[in-house]
């Protein structure tokens, strides 16, 4: 299944594209505290999987590989596309 076609119902935005981010980015939406914003290289996906600066450091420790430990640290969560866009603006797109 194409993840770009999956949808989720958001209490604030209604039915939207399902996107995946680390727990720290999701938390930043509640706290308005910037955490950094790195995105997967996924051409054609306007909202690729994303993670914060702390997760980027964790992954860098393993030569750029996502491991069981870095996945546990990230605790990837699903948010809607509009929340993703807000998180991207709030956290600053570090991959651009």
PDB file of N, CA and C in Angstrom:
ATOM      1  N   UNK A   1       0.847  -1.185   0.000  1.00  0.00           N
ATOM      2  CA  UNK A   1       0.000   0.000   0.000  1.00  0.00           C
ATOM      3  C   UNK A   1       0.892   1.248   0.000  1.00  0.00           C
ATOM      4  N   UNK A   2       0.498   2.227  -0.752  1.00  0.00           N
ATOM      5  CA  UNK A   2       1.232   3.488  -0.850  1.00  0.00           C
ATOM      6  C   UNK A   2       0.933   4.332   0.389  1.00  0.00           C
ATOM      7  N   UNK A   3       1.976   4.607   1.234  1.00  0.00           N
ATOM      8  CA  UNK A   3       1.727   5.363   2.466  1.00  0.00           C
ATOM      9  C   UNK A   3       1.184   6.767   2.214  1.00  0.00           C
ATOM     10  N   UNK A   4       1.423   7.310   1.026  1.00  0.00           N
ATOM     11  CA  UNK A   4       0.917   8.648   0.724  1.00  0.00           C
ATOM     12  C   UNK A   4      -0.599   8.659   0.563  1.00  0.00           C
ATOM     13  N   UNK A   5      -1.185   7.468   0.396  1.00  0.00           N
ATOM     14  CA  UNK A   5      -2.637   7.384   0.210  1.00  0.00           C
ATOM     15  C   UNK A   5      -3.357   6.965   1.481  1.00  0.00           C
ATOM     16  N   UNK A   6      -2.607   6.630   2.519  1.00  0.00           N
ATOM     17  CA  UNK A   6      -3.234   6.292   3.799  1.00  0.00           C
ATOM     18  C   UNK A   6      -3.748   7.572   4.432  1.00  0.00           C
ATOM     19  N   UNK A   7      -4.852   7.459   5.138  1.00  0.00           N
ATOM     20  CA  UNK A   7      -5.393   8.653   5.782  1.00  0.00           C
ATOM     21  C   UNK A   7      -5.673   8.378   7.251  1.00  0.00           C
ATOM     22  N   UNK A   8      -5.815   9.466   7.971  1.00  0.00           N
ATOM     23  CA  UNK A   8      -6.087   9.422   9.399  1.00  0.00           C
ATOM     24  C   UNK A   8      -7.083  10.535   9.694  1.00  0.00           C
ATOM     25  N   UNK A   9      -7.911  10.316  10.698  1.00  0.00           N
ATOM     26  CA  UNK A   9      -8.838  11.367  11.122  1.00  0.00           C
ATOM     27  C   UNK A   9      -8.213  12.139  12.283  1.00  0.00           C
ATOM     28  N   UNK A  10      -8.013  13.418  12.083  1.00  0.00           N
ATOM     29  CA  UNK A  10      -7.452  14.311  13.098  1.00  0.00           C
ATOM     30  C   UNK A  10      -8.609  15.095  13.736  1.00  0.00           C
ATOM     31  N   UNK A  11      -8.574  15.212  15.042  1.00  0.00           N
ATOM     32  CA  UNK A  11      -9.634  15.968  15.733  1.00  0.00           C
ATOM     33  C   UNK A  11      -9.684  17.416  15.272  1.00  0.00           C
ATOM     34  N   UNK A  12      -8.526  17.968  14.953  1.00  0.00           N
ATOM     35  CA  UNK A  12      -8.455  19.377  14.567  1.00  0.00           C
ATOM     36  C   UNK A  12      -8.667  19.591  13.066  1.00  0.00           C
ATOM     37  N   UNK A  13      -8.171  18.683  12.221  1.00  0.00           N
ATOM     38  CA  UNK A  13      -8.160  18.907  10.776  1.00  0.00           C
ATOM     39  C   UNK A  13      -9.035  17.954   9.965  1.00  0.00           C
ATOM     40  N   UNK A  14      -9.693  17.019  10.626  1.00  0.00           N
ATOM     41  CA  UNK A  14     -10.531  16.067   9.892  1.00  0.00           C
ATOM     42  C   UNK A  14      -9.690  15.012   9.183  1.00  0.00           C
ATOM     43  N   UNK A  15     -10.225  14.463   8.096  1.00  0.00           N
ATOM     44  CA  UNK A  15      -9.543  13.406   7.359  1.00  0.00           C
ATOM     45  C   UNK A  15      -8.359  14.005   6.596  1.00  0.00           C
ATOM     46  N   UNK A  16      -7.176  13.452   6.834  1.00  0.00           N
ATOM     47  CA  UNK A  16      -5.936  13.965   6.239  1.00  0.00           C
ATOM     48  C   UNK A  16      -5.015  12.804   5.895  1.00  0.00           C
ATOM     49  N   UNK A  17      -3.957  13.123   5.155  1.00  0.00           N
ATOM     50  CA  UNK A  17      -2.911  12.136   4.872  1.00  0.00           C
ATOM     51  C   UNK A  17      -2.270  11.703   6.184  1.00  0.00           C
ATOM     52  N   UNK A  18      -2.031  10.414   6.343  1.00  0.00           N
ATOM     53  CA  UNK A  18      -1.314   9.897   7.508  1.00  0.00           C
ATOM     54  C   UNK A  18       0.184  10.115   7.281  1.00  0.00           C
ATOM     55  N   UNK A  19       0.854  10.668   8.282  1.00  0.00           N
ATOM     56  CA  UNK A  19       2.301  10.881   8.205  1.00  0.00           C
ATOM     57  C   UNK A  19       2.936  10.323   9.475  1.00  0.00           C
ATOM     58  N   UNK A  20       4.251  10.105   9.423  1.00  0.00           N
ATOM     59  CA  UNK A  20       4.939   9.482  10.538  1.00  0.00           C
ATOM     60  C   UNK A  20       6.142  10.311  10.963  1.00  0.00           C
ATOM     61  N   UNK A  21       6.186  10.600  12.261  1.00  0.00           N
ATOM     62  CA  UNK A  21       7.249  11.420  12.846  1.00  0.00           C
ATOM     63  C   UNK A  21       7.685  10.800  14.168  1.00  0.00           C
ATOM     64  N   UNK A  22       8.846  11.213  14.662  1.00  0.00           N
ATOM     65  CA  UNK A  22       9.285  10.738  15.972  1.00  0.00           C
ATOM     66  C   UNK A  22       8.429  11.385  17.068  1.00  0.00           C
ATOM     67  N   UNK A  23       8.456  10.761  18.230  1.00  0.00           N
ATOM     68  CA  UNK A  23       7.671  11.263  19.365  1.00  0.00           C
ATOM     69  C   UNK A  23       8.021  12.704  19.727  1.00  0.00           C
ATOM     70  N   UNK A  24       9.276  13.090  19.507  1.00  0.00           N
ATOM     71  CA  UNK A  24       9.730  14.421  19.911  1.00  0.00           C
ATOM     72  C   UNK A  24       9.112  15.502  19.025  1.00  0.00           C
ATOM     73  N   UNK A  25       8.971  15.210  17.738  1.00  0.00           N
ATOM     74  CA  UNK A  25       8.301  16.155  16.844  1.00  0.00           C
ATOM     75  C   UNK A  25       6.821  16.234  17.206  1.00  0.00           C
ATOM     76  N   UNK A  26       6.201  15.092  17.462  1.00  0.00           N
ATOM     77  CA  UNK A  26       4.787  15.095  17.863  1.00  0.00           C
ATOM     78  C   UNK A  26       4.605  15.904  19.144  1.00  0.00           C
ATOM     79  N   UNK A  27       5.506  15.738  20.109  1.00  0.00           N
ATOM     80  CA  UNK A  27       5.421  16.489  21.364  1.00  0.00           C
ATOM     81  C   UNK A  27       5.613  17.982  21.135  1.00  0.00           C
ATOM     82  N   UNK A  28       6.437  18.346  20.160  1.00  0.00           N
ATOM     83  CA  UNK A  28       6.685  19.763  19.903  1.00  0.00           C
ATOM     84  C   UNK A  28       5.413  20.490  19.483  1.00  0.00           C
ATOM     85  N   UNK A  29       4.463  19.767  18.909  1.00  0.00           N
ATOM     86  CA  UNK A  29       3.188  20.382  18.539  1.00  0.00           C
ATOM     87  C   UNK A  29       2.410  20.825  19.764  1.00  0.00           C
ATOM     88  N   UNK A  30       2.600  20.117  20.881  1.00  0.00           N
ATOM     89  CA  UNK A  30       1.910  20.478  22.131  1.00  0.00           C
ATOM     90  C   UNK A  30       2.671  21.544  22.905  1.00  0.00           C
ATOM     91  N   UNK A  31       3.996  21.533  22.802  1.00  0.00           N
ATOM     92  CA  UNK A  31       4.813  22.435  23.614  1.00  0.00           C
ATOM     93  C   UNK A  31       5.292  23.676  22.867  1.00  0.00           C
ATOM     94  N   UNK A  32       5.158  23.663  21.535  1.00  0.00           N
ATOM     95  CA  UNK A  32       5.676  24.743  20.686  1.00  0.00           C
ATOM     96  C   UNK A  32       7.178  24.949  20.857  1.00  0.00           C
ATOM     97  N   UNK A  33       7.886  23.892  21.238  1.00  0.00           N
ATOM     98  CA  UNK A  33       9.342  23.957  21.386  1.00  0.00           C
ATOM     99  C   UNK A  33       9.981  23.272  20.190  1.00  0.00           C
ATOM    100  N   UNK A  34      10.864  23.977  19.503  1.00  0.00           N
ATOM    101  CA  UNK A  34      11.541  23.420  18.339  1.00  0.00           C
ATOM    102  C   UNK A  34      12.444  22.263  18.711  1.00  0.00           C
ATOM    103  N   UNK A  35      12.409  21.214  17.897  1.00  0.00           N
ATOM    104  CA  UNK A  35      13.211  20.023  18.163  1.00  0.00           C
ATOM    105  C   UNK A  35      14.132  19.682  17.003  1.00  0.00           C
ATOM    106  N   UNK A  36      14.044  20.443  15.912  1.00  0.00           N
ATOM    107  CA  UNK A  36      14.771  20.106  14.690  1.00  0.00           C
ATOM    108  C   UNK A  36      13.871  19.251  13.810  1.00  0.00           C
ATOM    109  N   UNK A  37      14.179  19.172  12.519  1.00  0.00           N
ATOM    110  CA  UNK A  37      13.304  18.455  11.594  1.00  0.00           C
ATOM    111  C   UNK A  37      14.124  17.889  10.450  1.00  0.00           C
ATOM    112  N   UNK A  38      14.289  16.582  10.439  1.00  0.00           N
ATOM    113  CA  UNK A  38      15.003  15.861   9.386  1.00  0.00           C
ATOM    114  C   UNK A  38      14.011  14.943   8.702  1.00  0.00           C
ATOM    115  N   UNK A  39      14.146  14.772   7.376  1.00  0.00           N
ATOM    116  CA  UNK A  39      13.193  13.961   6.631  1.00  0.00           C
ATOM    117  C   UNK A  39      13.901  12.858   5.851  1.00  0.00           C
ATOM    118  N   UNK A  40      13.180  11.762   5.669  1.00  0.00           N
ATOM    119  CA  UNK A  40      13.670  10.657   4.848  1.00  0.00           C
ATOM    120  C   UNK A  40      13.736  11.110   3.394  1.00  0.00           C
ATOM    121  N   UNK A  41      14.631  10.515   2.644  1.00  0.00           N
ATOM    122  CA  UNK A  41      14.725  10.770   1.211  1.00  0.00           C
ATOM    123  C   UNK A  41      13.676   9.893   0.531  1.00  0.00           C
ATOM    124  N   UNK A  42      12.541  10.485   0.215  1.00  0.00           N
ATOM    125  CA  UNK A  42      11.418   9.765  -0.367  1.00  0.00           C
ATOM    126  C   UNK A  42      10.837  10.605  -1.499  1.00  0.00           C
ATOM    127  N   UNK A  43      11.511  10.584  -2.673  1.00  0.00           N
ATOM    128  CA  UNK A  43      11.052  11.408  -3.801  1.00  0.00           C
ATOM    129  C   UNK A  43       9.577  11.171  -4.126  1.00  0.00           C
ATOM    130  N   UNK A  44       8.899  12.237  -4.376  1.00  0.00           N
ATOM    131  CA  UNK A  44       7.486  12.148  -4.719  1.00  0.00           C
ATOM    132  C   UNK A  44       6.561  12.198  -3.518  1.00  0.00           C
ATOM    133  N   UNK A  45       7.105  12.077  -2.315  1.00  0.00           N
ATOM    134  CA  UNK A  45       6.275  12.157  -1.117  1.00  0.00           C
ATOM    135  C   UNK A  45       6.475  13.537  -0.505  1.00  0.00           C
ATOM    136  N   UNK A  46       5.461  14.380  -0.524  1.00  0.00           N
ATOM    137  CA  UNK A  46       5.623  15.722   0.024  1.00  0.00           C
ATOM    138  C   UNK A  46       5.758  15.748   1.550  1.00  0.00           C
ATOM    139  N   UNK A  47       5.447  14.620   2.184  1.00  0.00           N
ATOM    140  CA  UNK A  47       5.530  14.538   3.651  1.00  0.00           C
ATOM    141  C   UNK A  47       6.199  13.220   4.064  1.00  0.00           C
ATOM    142  N   UNK A  48       7.490  13.093   3.776  1.00  0.00           N
ATOM    143  CA  UNK A  48       8.180  11.846   4.143  1.00  0.00           C
ATOM    144  C   UNK A  48       8.358  11.729   5.653  1.00  0.00           C
ATOM    145  N   UNK A  49       8.656  10.501   6.108  1.00  0.00           N
ATOM    146  CA  UNK A  49       8.906  10.271   7.531  1.00  0.00           C
ATOM    147  C   UNK A  49       9.908  11.299   8.039  1.00  0.00           C
ATOM    148  N   UNK A  50       9.696  11.763   9.279  1.00  0.00           N
ATOM    149  CA  UNK A  50      10.544  12.831   9.813  1.00  0.00           C
ATOM    150  C   UNK A  50      10.930  12.535  11.253  1.00  0.00           C
ATOM    151  N   UNK A  51      12.078  13.093  11.662  1.00  0.00           N
ATOM    152  CA  UNK A  51      12.591  12.910  13.019  1.00  0.00           C
ATOM    153  C   UNK A  51      13.341  14.159  13.436  1.00  0.00           C
ATOM    154  N   UNK A  52      13.554  14.292  14.732  1.00  0.00           N
ATOM    155  CA  UNK A  52      14.154  15.491  15.324  1.00  0.00           C
ATOM    156  C   UNK A  52      15.684  15.396  15.384  1.00  0.00           C
ATOM    157  N   UNK A  53      16.296  16.455  15.880  1.00  0.00           N
ATOM    158  CA  UNK A  53      17.756  16.518  16.001  1.00  0.00           C
ATOM    159  C   UNK A  53      18.291  15.472  16.975  1.00  0.00           C
ATOM    160  N   UNK A  54      17.576  15.224  18.070  1.00  0.00           N
ATOM    161  CA  UNK A  54      18.032  14.212  19.034  1.00  0.00           C
ATOM    162  C   UNK A  54      18.028  12.828  18.397  1.00  0.00           C
ATOM    163  N   UNK A  55      17.016  12.520  17.605  1.00  0.00           N
ATOM    164  CA  UNK A  55      16.967  11.236  16.907  1.00  0.00           C
ATOM    165  C   UNK A  55      18.057  11.169  15.837  1.00  0.00           C
ATOM    166  N   UNK A  56      18.311  12.274  15.173  1.00  0.00           N
ATOM    167  CA  UNK A  56      19.379  12.322  14.168  1.00  0.00           C
ATOM    168  C   UNK A  56      20.723  12.000  14.809  1.00  0.00           C
ATOM    169  N   UNK A  57      20.982  12.547  15.995  1.00  0.00           N
ATOM    170  CA  UNK A  57      22.235  12.242  16.709  1.00  0.00           C
ATOM    171  C   UNK A  57      22.304  10.764  17.069  1.00  0.00           C
ATOM    172  N   UNK A  58      21.186  10.207  17.510  1.00  0.00           N
ATOM    173  CA  UNK A  58      21.134   8.789  17.884  1.00  0.00           C
ATOM    174  C   UNK A  58      21.450   7.909  16.669  1.00  0.00           C
ATOM    175  N   UNK A  59      20.879   8.232  15.538  1.00  0.00           N
ATOM    176  CA  UNK A  59      21.109   7.457  14.312  1.00  0.00           C
ATOM    177  C   UNK A  59      22.542   7.654  13.814  1.00  0.00           C
ATOM    178  N   UNK A  60      23.076   8.834  13.993  1.00  0.00           N
ATOM    179  CA  UNK A  60      24.462   9.100  13.585  1.00  0.00           C
ATOM    180  C   UNK A  60      25.447   8.229  14.358  1.00  0.00           C
ATOM    181  N   UNK A  61      25.106   7.884  15.587  1.00  0.00           N
ATOM    182  CA  UNK A  61      25.975   7.028  16.404  1.00  0.00           C
ATOM    183  C   UNK A  61      26.146   5.634  15.798  1.00  0.00           C
ATOM    184  N   UNK A  62      25.217   5.231  14.941  1.00  0.00           N
ATOM    185  CA  UNK A  62      25.287   3.911  14.312  1.00  0.00           C
ATOM    186  C   UNK A  62      25.614   4.030  12.822  1.00  0.00           C
ATOM    187  N   UNK A  63      26.272   5.112  12.446  1.00  0.00           N
ATOM    188  CA  UNK A  63      26.655   5.287  11.046  1.00  0.00           C
ATOM    189  C   UNK A  63      25.490   5.573  10.125  1.00  0.00           C
ATOM    190  N   UNK A  64      24.405   6.108  10.667  1.00  0.00           N
ATOM    191  CA  UNK A  64      23.252   6.478   9.854  1.00  0.00           C
ATOM    192  C   UNK A  64      22.212   5.380   9.727  1.00  0.00           C
ATOM    193  N   UNK A  65      22.384   4.300  10.453  1.00  0.00           N
ATOM    194  CA  UNK A  65      21.437   3.186  10.399  1.00  0.00           C
ATOM    195  C   UNK A  65      20.414   3.282  11.527  1.00  0.00           C
ATOM    196  N   UNK A  66      19.152   3.056  11.176  1.00  0.00           N
ATOM    197  CA  UNK A  66      18.105   2.966  12.192  1.00  0.00           C
ATOM    198  C   UNK A  66      18.190   1.580  12.810  1.00  0.00           C
ATOM    199  N   UNK A  67      18.382   1.542  14.103  1.00  0.00           N
ATOM    200  CA  UNK A  67      18.515   0.278  14.833  1.00  0.00           C
ATOM    201  C   UNK A  67      17.337   0.116  15.786  1.00  0.00           C
ATOM    202  N   UNK A  68      17.304  -1.006  16.458  1.00  0.00           N
ATOM    203  CA  UNK A  68      16.262  -1.234  17.459  1.00  0.00           C
ATOM    204  C   UNK A  68      16.306  -0.147  18.535  1.00  0.00           C
ATOM    205  N   UNK A  69      17.520   0.225  18.948  1.00  0.00           N
ATOM    206  CA  UNK A  69      17.669   1.252  19.988  1.00  0.00           C
ATOM    207  C   UNK A  69      17.210   2.627  19.499  1.00  0.00           C
ATOM    208  N   UNK A  70      17.585   3.002  18.273  1.00  0.00           N
ATOM    209  CA  UNK A  70      17.180   4.321  17.776  1.00  0.00           C
ATOM    210  C   UNK A  70      15.677   4.357  17.502  1.00  0.00           C
ATOM    211  N   UNK A  71      15.110   3.243  17.041  1.00  0.00           N
ATOM    212  CA  UNK A  71      13.655   3.185  16.851  1.00  0.00           C
ATOM    213  C   UNK A  71      12.925   3.290  18.182  1.00  0.00           C
ATOM    214  N   UNK A  72      13.458   2.649  19.209  1.00  0.00           N
ATOM    215  CA  UNK A  72      12.851   2.738  20.542  1.00  0.00           C
ATOM    216  C   UNK A  72      12.928   4.169  21.064  1.00  0.00           C
ATOM    217  N   UNK A  73      14.042   4.848  20.808  1.00  0.00           N
ATOM    218  CA  UNK A  73      14.217   6.232  21.227  1.00  0.00           C
ATOM    219  C   UNK A  73      13.231   7.137  20.481  1.00  0.00           C
ATOM    220  N   UNK A  74      13.068   6.901  19.184  1.00  0.00           N
ATOM    221  CA  UNK A  74      12.208   7.751  18.349  1.00  0.00           C
ATOM    222  C   UNK A  74      10.727   7.555  18.646  1.00  0.00           C
ATOM    223  N   UNK A  75      10.322   6.337  18.944  1.00  0.00           N
ATOM    224  CA  UNK A  75       8.911   6.019  19.157  1.00  0.00           C
ATOM    225  C   UNK A  75       8.033   6.702  18.096  1.00  0.00           C
ATOM    226  N   UNK A  76       8.220   6.268  16.862  1.00  0.00           N
ATOM    227  CA  UNK A  76       7.512   6.856  15.727  1.00  0.00           C
ATOM    228  C   UNK A  76       6.009   6.832  15.973  1.00  0.00           C
ATOM    229  N   UNK A  77       5.385   7.942  15.635  1.00  0.00           N
ATOM    230  CA  UNK A  77       3.948   8.090  15.831  1.00  0.00           C
ATOM    231  C   UNK A  77       3.316   8.682  14.574  1.00  0.00           C
ATOM    232  N   UNK A  78       2.037   8.451  14.397  1.00  0.00           N
ATOM    233  CA  UNK A  78       1.322   8.958  13.242  1.00  0.00           C
ATOM    234  C   UNK A  78       0.646  10.275  13.598  1.00  0.00           C
ATOM    235  N   UNK A  79       0.771  11.238  12.699  1.00  0.00           N
ATOM    236  CA  UNK A  79       0.044  12.503  12.815  1.00  0.00           C
ATOM    237  C   UNK A  79      -0.551  12.823  11.448  1.00  0.00           C
ATOM    238  N   UNK A  80      -1.475  13.743  11.396  1.00  0.00           N
ATOM    239  CA  UNK A  80      -2.092  14.092  10.117  1.00  0.00           C
ATOM    240  C   UNK A  80      -1.180  15.013   9.303  1.00  0.00           C
ATOM    241  N   UNK A  81      -1.467  15.090   8.024  1.00  0.00           N
ATOM    242  CA  UNK A  81      -0.659  15.896   7.118  1.00  0.00           C
ATOM    243  C   UNK A  81      -0.600  17.366   7.499  1.00  0.00           C
ATOM    244  N   UNK A  82      -1.687  17.919   7.954  1.00  0.00           N
ATOM    245  CA  UNK A  82      -1.686  19.336   8.339  1.00  0.00           C
ATOM    246  C   UNK A  82      -0.870  19.548   9.607  1.00  0.00           C
ATOM    247  N   UNK A  83      -0.944  18.601  10.563  1.00  0.00           N
ATOM    248  CA  UNK A  83      -0.104  18.691  11.759  1.00  0.00           C
ATOM    249  C   UNK A  83       1.366  18.557  11.366  1.00  0.00           C
ATOM    250  N   UNK A  84       1.668  17.685  10.408  1.00  0.00           N
ATOM    251  CA  UNK A  84       3.025  17.513   9.894  1.00  0.00           C
ATOM    252  C   UNK A  84       3.550  18.847   9.347  1.00  0.00           C
ATOM    253  N   UNK A  85       2.730  19.508   8.532  1.00  0.00           N
ATOM    254  CA  UNK A  85       3.142  20.796   7.955  1.00  0.00           C
ATOM    255  C   UNK A  85       3.437  21.815   9.053  1.00  0.00           C
ATOM    256  N   UNK A  86       2.599  21.838  10.072  1.00  0.00           N
ATOM    257  CA  UNK A  86       2.821  22.754  11.203  1.00  0.00           C
ATOM    258  C   UNK A  86       4.110  22.400  11.940  1.00  0.00           C
ATOM    259  N   UNK A  87       4.329  21.110  12.164  1.00  0.00           N
ATOM    260  CA  UNK A  87       5.544  20.659  12.850  1.00  0.00           C
ATOM    261  C   UNK A  87       6.782  21.016  12.042  1.00  0.00           C
ATOM    262  N   UNK A  88       6.693  20.885  10.734  1.00  0.00           N
ATOM    263  CA  UNK A  88       7.830  21.219   9.861  1.00  0.00           C
ATOM    264  C   UNK A  88       8.178  22.699   9.979  1.00  0.00           C
ATOM    265  N   UNK A  89       7.178  23.543   9.994  1.00  0.00           N
ATOM    266  CA  UNK A  89       7.418  24.972  10.139  1.00  0.00           C
ATOM    267  C   UNK A  89       7.950  25.305  11.542  1.00  0.00           C
ATOM    268  N   UNK A  90       7.364  24.709  12.559  1.00  0.00           N
ATOM    269  CA  UNK A  90       7.744  24.970  13.945  1.00  0.00           C
ATOM    270  C   UNK A  90       9.181  24.530  14.238  1.00  0.00           C
ATOM    271  N   UNK A  91       9.565  23.394  13.711  1.00  0.00           N
ATOM    272  CA  UNK A  91      10.856  22.795  14.037  1.00  0.00           C
ATOM    273  C   UNK A  91      11.973  23.151  13.063  1.00  0.00           C
ATOM    274  N   UNK A  92      11.637  23.777  11.960  1.00  0.00           N
ATOM    275  CA  UNK A  92      12.654  24.157  10.987  1.00  0.00           C
ATOM    276  C   UNK A  92      13.156  22.947  10.235  1.00  0.00           C
ATOM    277  N   UNK A  93      13.009  22.943   8.953  1.00  0.00           N
ATOM    278  CA  UNK A  93      13.420  21.831   8.096  1.00  0.00           C
ATOM    279  C   UNK A  93      14.932  21.831   7.977  1.00  0.00           C
ATOM    280  N   UNK A  94      15.613  20.964   8.733  1.00  0.00           N
ATOM    281  CA  UNK A  94      17.078  20.894   8.753  1.00  0.00           C
ATOM    282  C   UNK A  94      17.645  20.175   7.546  1.00  0.00           C
ATOM    283  N   UNK A  95      16.801  19.482   6.782  1.00  0.00           N
ATOM    284  CA  UNK A  95      17.314  18.710   5.646  1.00  0.00           C
ATOM    285  C   UNK A  95      17.316  19.521   4.360  1.00  0.00           C
ATOM    286  N   UNK A  96      16.752  20.705   4.368  1.00  0.00           N
ATOM    287  CA  UNK A  96      16.665  21.515   3.153  1.00  0.00           C
ATOM    288  C   UNK A  96      17.975  22.235   2.884  1.00  0.00           C
TER     289      UNK A  96
END
